[in-house]
Amino acid sequence: MLKWWNQKREENIQNIKAVDVLYGFKPESSKLFAFNHFVLIAKYHIFTSKIAESPPSMQVFLALLDDKVRIEEAIATKNNRITEFKMKWKSLSQSF
């Protein structure tokens, strides 16, 4: 997942620690807000896969991510916050 992220985004995440996955990154700027959201969705996918007793799948994860990003885009459009949405998810929303 990290390799996929680094191919799609200009922020290159290296040497991620377990504590960062557990609690999220605390960046000085908002550049990594999308990555924290990405990690939350990944953890949710892993959890639901475990409950369903099936292995996690990158294809299923990307479909779930696409769904969540589209919902966030609809909410941002409704609330006239599309600029913030585009800044957060730039280059990823076309990658699914």
C-alpha atoms as a PDB file:
ATOM      1  CA  MET A   1       0.000   0.000   0.000  1.00  0.00           C
ATOM      2  CA  LEU A   2       2.827   2.350   0.831  1.00  0.00           C
ATOM      3  CA  LYS A   3       4.469   1.665  -2.522  1.00  0.00           C
ATOM      4  CA  TRP A   4       1.179   2.472  -4.292  1.00  0.00           C
ATOM      5  CA  TRP A   5       0.816   5.699  -2.260  1.00  0.00           C
ATOM      6  CA  ASN A   6       4.364   6.823  -3.077  1.00  0.00           C
ATOM      7  CA  GLN A   7       3.783   6.256  -6.799  1.00  0.00           C
ATOM      8  CA  LYS A   8       0.645   8.418  -6.777  1.00  0.00           C
ATOM      9  CA  ARG A   9       1.608  11.289  -4.487  1.00  0.00           C
ATOM     10  CA  GLU A  10       4.426  13.801  -4.311  1.00  0.00           C
ATOM     11  CA  GLU A  11       4.832  13.220  -0.557  1.00  0.00           C
ATOM     12  CA  ASN A  12       7.095  10.204  -0.368  1.00  0.00           C
ATOM     13  CA  ILE A  13       6.522   8.275   2.850  1.00  0.00           C
ATOM     14  CA  GLN A  14       9.548   6.292   4.029  1.00  0.00           C
ATOM     15  CA  ASN A  15      10.354   4.368   7.192  1.00  0.00           C
ATOM     16  CA  ILE A  16       6.836   4.294   8.566  1.00  0.00           C
ATOM     17  CA  LYS A  17       6.756   3.184  12.188  1.00  0.00           C
ATOM     18  CA  ALA A  18       4.105   1.116  13.935  1.00  0.00           C
ATOM     19  CA  VAL A  19       3.293   4.068  16.191  1.00  0.00           C
ATOM     20  CA  ASP A  20       2.554   6.186  13.093  1.00  0.00           C
ATOM     21  CA  VAL A  21       0.149   3.553  11.806  1.00  0.00           C
ATOM     22  CA  LEU A  22      -1.442   3.172  15.227  1.00  0.00           C
ATOM     23  CA  TYR A  23      -1.904   6.869  16.048  1.00  0.00           C
ATOM     24  CA  GLY A  24      -1.383   8.616  12.709  1.00  0.00           C
ATOM     25  CA  PHE A  25       1.162  11.142  11.561  1.00  0.00           C
ATOM     26  CA  LYS A  26       1.119  14.535  13.223  1.00  0.00           C
ATOM     27  CA  PRO A  27       2.412  16.710  10.403  1.00  0.00           C
ATOM     28  CA  GLU A  28       3.130  20.397  10.850  1.00  0.00           C
ATOM     29  CA  SER A  29       1.105  21.075   7.727  1.00  0.00           C
ATOM     30  CA  SER A  30      -1.991  19.416   6.338  1.00  0.00           C
ATOM     31  CA  LYS A  31      -0.052  17.617   3.572  1.00  0.00           C
ATOM     32  CA  LEU A  32      -0.395  14.229   5.256  1.00  0.00           C
ATOM     33  CA  PHE A  33      -4.053  14.447   6.293  1.00  0.00           C
ATOM     34  CA  ALA A  34      -4.910  12.304   3.269  1.00  0.00           C
ATOM     35  CA  PHE A  35      -2.283   9.738   4.272  1.00  0.00           C
ATOM     36  CA  ASN A  36      -3.747   9.456   7.777  1.00  0.00           C
ATOM     37  CA  HIS A  37      -7.196   8.951   6.224  1.00  0.00           C
ATOM     38  CA  PHE A  38      -5.671   6.407   3.809  1.00  0.00           C
ATOM     39  CA  VAL A  39      -4.208   4.455   6.745  1.00  0.00           C
ATOM     40  CA  LEU A  40      -7.528   4.492   8.625  1.00  0.00           C
ATOM     41  CA  ILE A  41      -9.317   3.069   5.595  1.00  0.00           C
ATOM     42  CA  ALA A  42      -6.577   0.430   5.211  1.00  0.00           C
ATOM     43  CA  LYS A  43      -6.929  -0.600   8.853  1.00  0.00           C
ATOM     44  CA  TYR A  44     -10.699  -0.819   8.418  1.00  0.00           C
ATOM     45  CA  HIS A  45     -10.226  -3.030   5.346  1.00  0.00           C
ATOM     46  CA  ILE A  46      -7.845  -5.315   7.228  1.00  0.00           C
ATOM     47  CA  PHE A  47     -10.320  -5.560  10.122  1.00  0.00           C
ATOM     48  CA  THR A  48     -13.300  -6.361   7.886  1.00  0.00           C
ATOM     49  CA  SER A  49     -11.209  -8.925   5.985  1.00  0.00           C
ATOM     50  CA  LYS A  50     -10.320 -10.644   9.247  1.00  0.00           C
ATOM     51  CA  ILE A  51     -13.978 -10.725  10.304  1.00  0.00           C
ATOM     52  CA  ALA A  52     -14.917 -12.197   6.900  1.00  0.00           C
ATOM     53  CA  GLU A  53     -12.022 -14.671   7.220  1.00  0.00           C
ATOM     54  CA  SER A  54     -10.569 -13.647   3.881  1.00  0.00           C
ATOM     55  CA  PRO A  55      -7.173 -12.164   3.112  1.00  0.00           C
ATOM     56  CA  PRO A  56      -6.936  -8.408   2.563  1.00  0.00           C
ATOM     57  CA  SER A  57      -6.891  -7.477  -1.096  1.00  0.00           C
ATOM     58  CA  MET A  58      -5.379  -4.417  -2.737  1.00  0.00           C
ATOM     59  CA  GLN A  59      -8.176  -4.459  -5.315  1.00  0.00           C
ATOM     60  CA  VAL A  60     -10.877  -4.486  -2.637  1.00  0.00           C
ATOM     61  CA  PHE A  61      -9.004  -1.846  -0.629  1.00  0.00           C
ATOM     62  CA  LEU A  62      -8.804   0.475  -3.663  1.00  0.00           C
ATOM     63  CA  ALA A  63     -12.536   0.044  -4.285  1.00  0.00           C
ATOM     64  CA  LEU A  64     -13.240   0.911  -0.647  1.00  0.00           C
ATOM     65  CA  LEU A  65     -10.886   3.902  -0.820  1.00  0.00           C
ATOM     66  CA  ASP A  66     -12.554   5.103  -4.019  1.00  0.00           C
ATOM     67  CA  ASP A  67     -15.962   4.882  -2.362  1.00  0.00           C
ATOM     68  CA  LYS A  68     -14.836   6.847   0.705  1.00  0.00           C
ATOM     69  CA  VAL A  69     -13.129   9.537  -1.387  1.00  0.00           C
ATOM     70  CA  ARG A  70     -16.223   9.929  -3.610  1.00  0.00           C
ATOM     71  CA  ILE A  71     -18.419  10.330  -0.534  1.00  0.00           C
ATOM     72  CA  GLU A  72     -16.034  12.931   0.864  1.00  0.00           C
ATOM     73  CA  GLU A  73     -16.067  14.724  -2.501  1.00  0.00           C
ATOM     74  CA  ALA A  74     -19.884  14.830  -2.518  1.00  0.00           C
ATOM     75  CA  ILE A  75     -19.915  16.243   1.003  1.00  0.00           C
ATOM     76  CA  ALA A  76     -17.249  18.816   0.092  1.00  0.00           C
ATOM     77  CA  THR A  77     -19.222  19.853  -2.999  1.00  0.00           C
ATOM     78  CA  LYS A  78     -22.422  20.220  -0.976  1.00  0.00           C
ATOM     79  CA  ASN A  79     -20.621  22.339   1.636  1.00  0.00           C
ATOM     80  CA  ASN A  80     -18.711  24.468  -0.920  1.00  0.00           C
ATOM     81  CA  ARG A  81     -15.375  23.061   0.264  1.00  0.00           C
ATOM     82  CA  ILE A  82     -14.250  21.416  -2.965  1.00  0.00           C
ATOM     83  CA  THR A  83     -10.960  23.354  -2.957  1.00  0.00           C
ATOM     84  CA  GLU A  84      -9.978  21.812   0.384  1.00  0.00           C
ATOM     85  CA  PHE A  85     -11.021  18.391  -0.899  1.00  0.00           C
ATOM     86  CA  LYS A  86      -8.853  18.751  -4.002  1.00  0.00           C
ATOM     87  CA  MET A  87      -5.866  19.871  -1.939  1.00  0.00           C
ATOM     88  CA  LYS A  88      -6.238  16.876   0.374  1.00  0.00           C
ATOM     89  CA  TRP A  89      -6.750  14.191  -2.252  1.00  0.00           C
ATOM     90  CA  LYS A  90      -4.861  15.700  -5.231  1.00  0.00           C
ATOM     91  CA  SER A  91      -3.722  13.105  -7.732  1.00  0.00           C
ATOM     92  CA  LEU A  92      -5.303  10.204  -5.855  1.00  0.00           C
ATOM     93  CA  SER A  93      -8.927  10.678  -6.815  1.00  0.00           C
ATOM     94  CA  GLN A  94      -8.150   9.642 -10.417  1.00  0.00           C
ATOM     95  CA  SER A  95      -5.988   6.685  -9.367  1.00  0.00           C
ATOM     96  CA  PHE A  96      -8.562   4.074  -8.461  1.00  0.00           C
END
